[in-house]
Amino acid sequence: MRSLLLAPITGAANRTALINRQRRHLINLMRGLTEPAAERDNPIAVLLVEGARSHLQAGLDWLQRCQEEPA
Protein backbone atom coordinates (compact mmCIF):
# COMPACT_ATOMS: atom_id res chain seq x y z
CA MET A 1 0.00 0.00 0.00
CA ARG A 2 3.03 2.27 0.22
CA SER A 3 3.02 2.53 -3.56
CA LEU A 4 -0.41 4.15 -3.32
CA LEU A 5 0.97 6.82 -1.02
CA LEU A 6 3.97 7.44 -3.25
CA ALA A 7 2.09 7.42 -6.57
CA PRO A 8 1.34 11.18 -6.62
CA ILE A 9 4.94 12.00 -5.78
CA THR A 10 6.59 9.70 -8.30
CA GLY A 11 3.92 9.85 -11.00
CA ALA A 12 4.80 6.22 -11.62
CA ALA A 13 1.33 4.74 -11.62
CA ASN A 14 -2.33 5.52 -12.04
CA ARG A 15 -3.82 6.00 -8.55
CA THR A 16 -7.16 4.40 -9.42
CA ALA A 17 -5.45 1.39 -10.95
CA LEU A 18 -3.30 0.97 -7.82
CA ILE A 19 -6.36 1.18 -5.56
CA ASN A 20 -8.26 -1.35 -7.65
CA ARG A 21 -5.32 -3.74 -7.80
CA GLN A 22 -4.79 -3.58 -4.03
CA ARG A 23 -8.53 -3.98 -3.39
CA ARG A 24 -8.65 -7.13 -5.54
CA HIS A 25 -5.63 -8.48 -3.68
CA LEU A 26 -7.20 -7.89 -0.25
CA ILE A 27 -10.54 -9.38 -1.34
CA ASN A 28 -8.77 -12.49 -2.64
CA LEU A 29 -6.93 -12.84 0.67
CA MET A 30 -10.20 -12.48 2.56
CA ARG A 31 -11.83 -15.16 0.43
CA GLY A 32 -8.98 -17.47 1.32
CA LEU A 33 -9.64 -17.04 5.03
CA THR A 34 -11.99 -19.78 6.02
CA GLU A 35 -12.41 -21.45 9.32
CA PRO A 36 -11.79 -25.15 8.87
CA ALA A 37 -14.39 -27.19 10.73
CA ALA A 38 -11.69 -28.68 12.93
CA GLU A 39 -10.48 -25.22 13.96
CA ARG A 40 -13.87 -24.04 15.24
CA ASP A 41 -13.18 -25.88 18.48
CA ASN A 42 -9.90 -24.03 18.86
CA PRO A 43 -10.64 -20.53 20.20
CA ILE A 44 -7.11 -19.32 19.45
CA ALA A 45 -7.42 -20.28 15.78
CA VAL A 46 -10.83 -18.59 15.58
CA LEU A 47 -9.37 -15.40 17.08
CA LEU A 48 -6.48 -15.46 14.61
CA VAL A 49 -8.86 -15.78 11.65
CA GLU A 50 -11.07 -13.00 13.04
CA GLY A 51 -8.01 -10.80 13.53
CA ALA A 52 -6.82 -11.42 9.98
CA ARG A 53 -10.29 -10.61 8.63
CA SER A 54 -10.41 -7.40 10.67
CA HIS A 55 -6.99 -6.38 9.38
CA LEU A 56 -8.00 -7.01 5.76
CA GLN A 57 -11.29 -5.15 6.25
CA ALA A 58 -9.38 -2.18 7.67
CA GLY A 59 -7.24 -2.20 4.53
CA LEU A 60 -10.34 -2.21 2.33
CA ASP A 61 -11.84 0.66 4.34
CA TRP A 62 -8.63 2.65 4.00
CA LEU A 63 -8.58 2.08 0.23
CA GLN A 64 -12.15 3.33 0.04
CA ARG A 65 -11.15 6.50 1.87
CA CYS A 66 -8.19 6.96 -0.48
CA GLN A 67 -10.47 6.60 -3.48
CA GLU A 68 -12.88 9.21 -2.10
CA GLU A 69 -10.12 11.78 -1.54
CA PRO A 70 -9.28 14.11 -4.40
CA ALA A 71 -6.03 13.26 -6.14
C-alpha atoms as a PDB file:
ATOM      1  CA  MET A   1       0.000   0.000   0.000  1.00  0.00           C
ATOM      2  CA  ARG A   2       3.029   2.267   0.218  1.00  0.00           C
ATOM      3  CA  SER A   3       3.018   2.526  -3.562  1.00  0.00           C
ATOM      4  CA  LEU A   4      -0.410   4.149  -3.317  1.00  0.00           C
ATOM      5  CA  LEU A   5       0.967   6.825  -1.022  1.00  0.00           C
ATOM      6  CA  LEU A   6       3.969   7.442  -3.252  1.00  0.00           C
ATOM      7  CA  ALA A   7       2.089   7.422  -6.575  1.00  0.00           C
ATOM      8  CA  PRO A   8       1.337  11.175  -6.616  1.00  0.00           C
ATOM      9  CA  ILE A   9       4.937  12.004  -5.780  1.00  0.00           C
ATOM     10  CA  THR A  10       6.593   9.703  -8.298  1.00  0.00           C
ATOM     11  CA  GLY A  11       3.922   9.847 -11.001  1.00  0.00           C
ATOM     12  CA  ALA A  12       4.801   6.222 -11.619  1.00  0.00           C
ATOM     13  CA  ALA A  13       1.330   4.736 -11.617  1.00  0.00           C
ATOM     14  CA  ASN A  14      -2.331   5.516 -12.038  1.00  0.00           C
ATOM     15  CA  ARG A  15      -3.823   5.999  -8.554  1.00  0.00           C
ATOM     16  CA  THR A  16      -7.157   4.402  -9.423  1.00  0.00           C
ATOM     17  CA  ALA A  17      -5.446   1.385 -10.948  1.00  0.00           C
ATOM     18  CA  LEU A  18      -3.296   0.974  -7.818  1.00  0.00           C
ATOM     19  CA  ILE A  19      -6.359   1.183  -5.555  1.00  0.00           C
ATOM     20  CA  ASN A  20      -8.262  -1.348  -7.646  1.00  0.00           C
ATOM     21  CA  ARG A  21      -5.321  -3.743  -7.795  1.00  0.00           C
ATOM     22  CA  GLN A  22      -4.787  -3.577  -4.033  1.00  0.00           C
ATOM     23  CA  ARG A  23      -8.530  -3.977  -3.388  1.00  0.00           C
ATOM     24  CA  ARG A  24      -8.646  -7.126  -5.538  1.00  0.00           C
ATOM     25  CA  HIS A  25      -5.633  -8.479  -3.677  1.00  0.00           C
ATOM     26  CA  LEU A  26      -7.205  -7.892  -0.248  1.00  0.00           C
ATOM     27  CA  ILE A  27     -10.538  -9.381  -1.341  1.00  0.00           C
ATOM     28  CA  ASN A  28      -8.770 -12.490  -2.636  1.00  0.00           C
ATOM     29  CA  LEU A  29      -6.928 -12.837   0.668  1.00  0.00           C
ATOM     30  CA  MET A  30     -10.197 -12.479   2.560  1.00  0.00           C
ATOM     31  CA  ARG A  31     -11.828 -15.159   0.427  1.00  0.00           C
ATOM     32  CA  GLY A  32      -8.985 -17.475   1.325  1.00  0.00           C
ATOM     33  CA  LEU A  33      -9.642 -17.038   5.031  1.00  0.00           C
ATOM     34  CA  THR A  34     -11.986 -19.777   6.017  1.00  0.00           C
ATOM     35  CA  GLU A  35     -12.409 -21.448   9.324  1.00  0.00           C
ATOM     36  CA  PRO A  36     -11.794 -25.151   8.869  1.00  0.00           C
ATOM     37  CA  ALA A  37     -14.390 -27.194  10.735  1.00  0.00           C
ATOM     38  CA  ALA A  38     -11.687 -28.679  12.934  1.00  0.00           C
ATOM     39  CA  GLU A  39     -10.483 -25.220  13.963  1.00  0.00           C
ATOM     40  CA  ARG A  40     -13.871 -24.036  15.239  1.00  0.00           C
ATOM     41  CA  ASP A  41     -13.184 -25.882  18.478  1.00  0.00           C
ATOM     42  CA  ASN A  42      -9.905 -24.025  18.858  1.00  0.00           C
ATOM     43  CA  PRO A  43     -10.642 -20.529  20.205  1.00  0.00           C
ATOM     44  CA  ILE A  44      -7.110 -19.319  19.447  1.00  0.00           C
ATOM     45  CA  ALA A  45      -7.423 -20.280  15.781  1.00  0.00           C
ATOM     46  CA  VAL A  46     -10.827 -18.587  15.578  1.00  0.00           C
ATOM     47  CA  LEU A  47      -9.367 -15.396  17.076  1.00  0.00           C
ATOM     48  CA  LEU A  48      -6.476 -15.463  14.613  1.00  0.00           C
ATOM     49  CA  VAL A  49      -8.855 -15.783  11.653  1.00  0.00           C
ATOM     50  CA  GLU A  50     -11.067 -12.998  13.040  1.00  0.00           C
ATOM     51  CA  GLY A  51      -8.009 -10.800  13.530  1.00  0.00           C
ATOM     52  CA  ALA A  52      -6.824 -11.416   9.984  1.00  0.00           C
ATOM     53  CA  ARG A  53     -10.294 -10.612   8.631  1.00  0.00           C
ATOM     54  CA  SER A  54     -10.407  -7.404  10.675  1.00  0.00           C
ATOM     55  CA  HIS A  55      -6.994  -6.378   9.376  1.00  0.00           C
ATOM     56  CA  LEU A  56      -8.002  -7.013   5.765  1.00  0.00           C
ATOM     57  CA  GLN A  57     -11.288  -5.145   6.254  1.00  0.00           C
ATOM     58  CA  ALA A  58      -9.377  -2.176   7.666  1.00  0.00           C
ATOM     59  CA  GLY A  59      -7.235  -2.196   4.526  1.00  0.00           C
ATOM     60  CA  LEU A  60     -10.338  -2.213   2.333  1.00  0.00           C
ATOM     61  CA  ASP A  61     -11.842   0.656   4.342  1.00  0.00           C
ATOM     62  CA  TRP A  62      -8.634   2.646   3.999  1.00  0.00           C
ATOM     63  CA  LEU A  63      -8.575   2.078   0.234  1.00  0.00           C
ATOM     64  CA  GLN A  64     -12.153   3.333   0.042  1.00  0.00           C
ATOM     65  CA  ARG A  65     -11.147   6.504   1.867  1.00  0.00           C
ATOM     66  CA  CYS A  66      -8.190   6.964  -0.482  1.00  0.00           C
ATOM     67  CA  GLN A  67     -10.473   6.600  -3.477  1.00  0.00           C
ATOM     68  CA  GLU A  68     -12.878   9.215  -2.099  1.00  0.00           C
ATOM     69  CA  GLU A  69     -10.116  11.778  -1.538  1.00  0.00           C
ATOM     70  CA  PRO A  70      -9.285  14.107  -4.401  1.00  0.00           C
ATOM     71  CA  ALA A  71      -6.033  13.262  -6.138  1.00  0.00           C
END
